[in-house]
Protein backbone atom coordinates (compact mmCIF):
# COMPACT_ATOMS: atom_id res chain seq x y z
CA MET A 1 -30.96 191.79 179.47
CA PHE A 2 -28.53 190.21 176.77
CA ASP A 3 -28.60 192.01 173.13
CA GLY A 4 -27.98 189.70 170.30
CA ASN A 5 -25.60 192.20 168.47
CA LEU A 6 -23.07 192.32 171.70
CA PRO A 7 -20.94 189.57 170.14
CA GLN A 8 -20.15 191.23 166.88
CA LEU A 9 -19.80 194.72 168.69
CA MET A 10 -17.29 193.25 170.88
CA ALA A 11 -15.59 191.49 168.06
CA ALA A 12 -15.19 194.44 166.04
CA TYR A 13 -13.98 196.36 169.36
CA ASN A 14 -11.31 193.55 169.85
CA GLN A 15 -9.95 193.85 166.52
CA TRP A 16 -9.77 197.97 166.85
CA GLN A 17 -7.95 197.48 170.24
CA ASN A 18 -5.50 194.67 169.13
CA ARG A 19 -4.65 196.97 166.14
CA GLN A 20 -3.70 199.84 168.51
CA VAL A 21 -1.92 197.82 171.17
CA TYR A 22 0.10 195.79 168.59
CA GLN A 23 1.00 199.15 166.61
CA ALA A 24 1.89 200.44 170.24
CA ALA A 25 4.18 197.38 170.99
CA ALA A 26 5.82 197.55 167.71
CA GLN A 27 7.77 200.99 169.08
CA LEU A 28 9.35 198.98 171.22
CA SER A 29 12.35 196.72 170.67
CA GLU A 30 12.06 192.80 170.55
CA GLU A 31 14.08 193.06 173.55
CA GLN A 32 11.60 195.55 175.36
CA ARG A 33 8.91 193.40 174.43
CA GLN A 34 10.34 190.18 175.87
CA ALA A 35 11.59 191.83 179.05
CA ASP A 36 10.09 190.06 182.29
CA ARG A 37 8.24 193.13 183.72
CA GLY A 38 6.53 191.43 186.63
CA ALA A 39 3.15 190.84 184.90
CA PHE A 40 1.24 187.60 185.34
CA PHE A 41 2.57 186.87 181.79
CA ARG A 42 5.92 188.44 182.37
CA SER A 43 6.29 190.60 179.50
CA VAL A 44 4.35 192.71 176.80
CA HIS A 45 4.94 189.71 174.50
CA GLY A 46 4.13 187.07 176.77
CA THR A 47 0.51 188.62 177.49
CA LEU A 48 -0.15 189.01 173.90
CA ASP A 49 0.64 185.68 173.23
CA HIS A 50 -1.37 184.59 176.53
CA LEU A 51 -4.44 187.14 174.51
CA LEU A 52 -4.09 184.90 171.38
CA TRP A 53 -4.04 181.49 173.31
CA GLY A 54 -7.14 182.39 175.34
CA ASP A 55 -9.34 183.63 172.21
CA LEU A 56 -8.06 180.09 170.44
CA ILE A 57 -9.06 178.27 173.49
CA TRP A 58 -12.62 179.65 173.23
CA LEU A 59 -13.37 179.75 169.96
CA GLY A 60 -12.03 176.23 169.84
CA ARG A 61 -14.63 175.52 172.28
CA PHE A 62 -17.58 177.32 170.70
CA THR A 63 -16.71 175.85 167.41
CA GLU A 64 -15.80 172.35 168.52
CA GLN A 65 -12.38 172.59 167.01
CA THR A 66 -8.90 172.01 168.53
CA LEU A 67 -7.55 175.19 167.47
CA VAL A 68 -4.45 175.24 169.99
CA THR A 69 -2.74 172.38 172.41
CA GLN A 70 -0.04 174.13 173.99
CA PRO A 71 -0.84 174.83 178.06
CA CYS A 72 -1.57 178.10 179.36
CA GLY A 73 1.87 180.12 179.60
CA GLU A 74 3.66 178.26 176.70
CA LEU A 75 4.23 180.28 173.92
CA LEU A 76 2.58 179.82 170.67
CA HIS A 77 4.69 182.76 168.82
CA PRO A 78 7.98 183.35 170.01
CA ASP A 79 8.49 186.62 167.87
CA PHE A 80 6.64 189.54 167.36
CA ALA A 81 6.19 189.18 163.50
CA SER A 82 4.31 185.97 163.61
CA LEU A 83 2.46 186.80 166.85
CA SER A 84 1.02 189.90 165.07
CA ALA A 85 0.50 187.93 161.83
CA ALA A 86 -1.62 185.10 163.88
CA ARG A 87 -3.47 188.11 165.98
CA GLU A 88 -4.63 189.53 162.51
CA VAL A 89 -5.83 185.93 161.11
CA LEU A 90 -7.94 185.34 164.45
CA ASP A 91 -9.36 189.01 164.81
CA GLN A 92 -11.08 188.65 161.23
CA GLN A 93 -12.04 184.72 162.28
CA LEU A 94 -13.72 186.17 165.33
CA ILE A 95 -15.56 188.79 163.58
CA SER A 96 -16.82 186.50 160.96
CA TRP A 97 -17.56 183.75 163.55
CA ALA A 98 -19.40 186.65 165.71
CA ALA A 99 -21.58 187.46 162.57
CA GLY A 100 -22.90 184.17 162.56
CA LEU A 101 -24.07 183.70 166.06
CA SER A 102 -28.06 183.62 166.53
CA ALA A 103 -29.74 184.46 169.58
CA GLU A 104 -31.11 181.09 169.93
CA TRP A 105 -27.47 179.59 169.87
CA LEU A 106 -26.27 182.30 172.72
CA ALA A 107 -29.22 181.27 174.83
CA GLU A 108 -28.41 177.23 174.84
CA PRO A 109 -26.84 175.59 178.09
CA VAL A 110 -23.64 174.09 177.54
CA THR A 111 -21.52 172.15 179.83
CA TRP A 112 -17.78 173.09 179.86
CA THR A 113 -14.67 172.08 181.88
CA SER A 114 -12.10 174.50 182.62
CA ARG A 115 -8.43 172.90 182.29
CA LEU A 116 -6.51 175.81 184.24
CA TYR A 117 -9.31 175.80 187.07
CA GLN A 118 -10.07 171.88 186.92
CA PHE A 119 -14.02 172.37 187.26
CA THR A 120 -17.30 171.80 184.81
CA GLN A 121 -20.13 173.79 184.82
CA THR A 122 -23.20 174.65 182.67
CA VAL A 123 -24.17 178.08 181.68
CA PRO A 124 -25.83 179.62 178.61
CA ARG A 125 -23.72 180.11 175.77
CA TRP A 126 -23.74 184.12 175.99
CA VAL A 127 -21.92 184.28 179.28
CA LEU A 128 -18.99 182.33 178.00
CA VAL A 129 -18.95 184.75 175.36
CA GLN A 130 -19.16 187.63 177.03
CA HIS A 131 -16.04 185.89 179.19
CA MET A 132 -14.02 185.56 176.34
CA PHE A 133 -14.50 189.33 175.56
CA ASN A 134 -13.84 190.34 178.84
CA HIS A 135 -10.44 188.35 179.21
CA GLN A 136 -9.28 190.10 176.05
CA THR A 137 -9.90 193.79 177.53
CA HIS A 138 -8.56 192.51 180.87
CA HIS A 139 -5.31 191.31 179.68
CA ARG A 140 -4.90 194.68 176.98
CA GLY A 141 -5.27 196.66 180.15
CA GLN A 142 -2.49 194.89 181.55
CA VAL A 143 -0.38 195.28 178.22
CA GLY A 144 -1.39 198.80 177.98
CA THR A 145 -0.17 199.41 181.45
CA LEU A 146 2.95 197.81 180.86
CA LEU A 147 3.67 199.77 177.27
CA GLN A 148 2.78 203.09 179.17
CA GLN A 149 5.61 202.42 182.14
CA LEU A 150 7.43 202.30 178.83
CA GLY A 151 6.50 205.65 177.42
CA VAL A 152 4.39 204.45 174.66
CA GLU A 153 0.68 205.41 174.58
CA VAL A 154 -2.11 202.66 173.39
CA GLY A 155 -4.66 205.67 172.45
CA ILE A 156 -8.35 205.53 173.24
CA THR A 157 -9.93 202.53 174.19
CA ASP A 158 -13.29 203.40 175.15
CA LEU A 159 -16.04 201.20 173.48
CA PRO A 160 -18.53 204.00 172.61
CA LEU A 161 -15.94 205.72 170.19
CA LEU A 162 -15.23 202.24 168.28
CA ASP A 163 -17.84 203.92 165.28
CA ILE A 164 -16.90 207.55 165.59
CA LEU A 165 -12.92 206.90 165.36
CA GLN A 166 -12.94 204.15 162.61
CA GLN A 167 -15.54 205.45 160.66
CA GLY A 168 -15.47 209.14 160.98
CA PRO A 169 -18.49 211.04 162.61
CA SER A 170 -21.74 210.64 161.12
CA GLN A 171 -23.41 214.00 159.82
């Protein structure tokens, strides 16, 4: 069953992994980050930008705000410096947002419409919250593969190691 602490855990994991991915991507030149590598969102940069776009779309749905108006696939940030800065800000917003979630809010059904797939459905909110975090992991995995192909390692990605690697082992 659903654990009410999962969104907070996943928001922290998201921030940790994004920091690692961005540190790895920073080792590349702008040309390497922007080069079409045959990925769904073409490049390392394009995929990272899509991740930001997706998080803004979902957070906007959850908070009933319009956080992005660009269509899927249109870059929000054409350069790595502004993309990195926007990612850091959004990751902190996701952590703050997740900290305020209640089990009741997560369990409530919500009806939403996918702009991309043109369908409407009603599901408990926690399903959509979990989807947002799965979407992040999916695309970060794609970026990790592209980076590895370029000779850059992202590092450890195992969720259970989050606390140990961020805070050091407990005694």
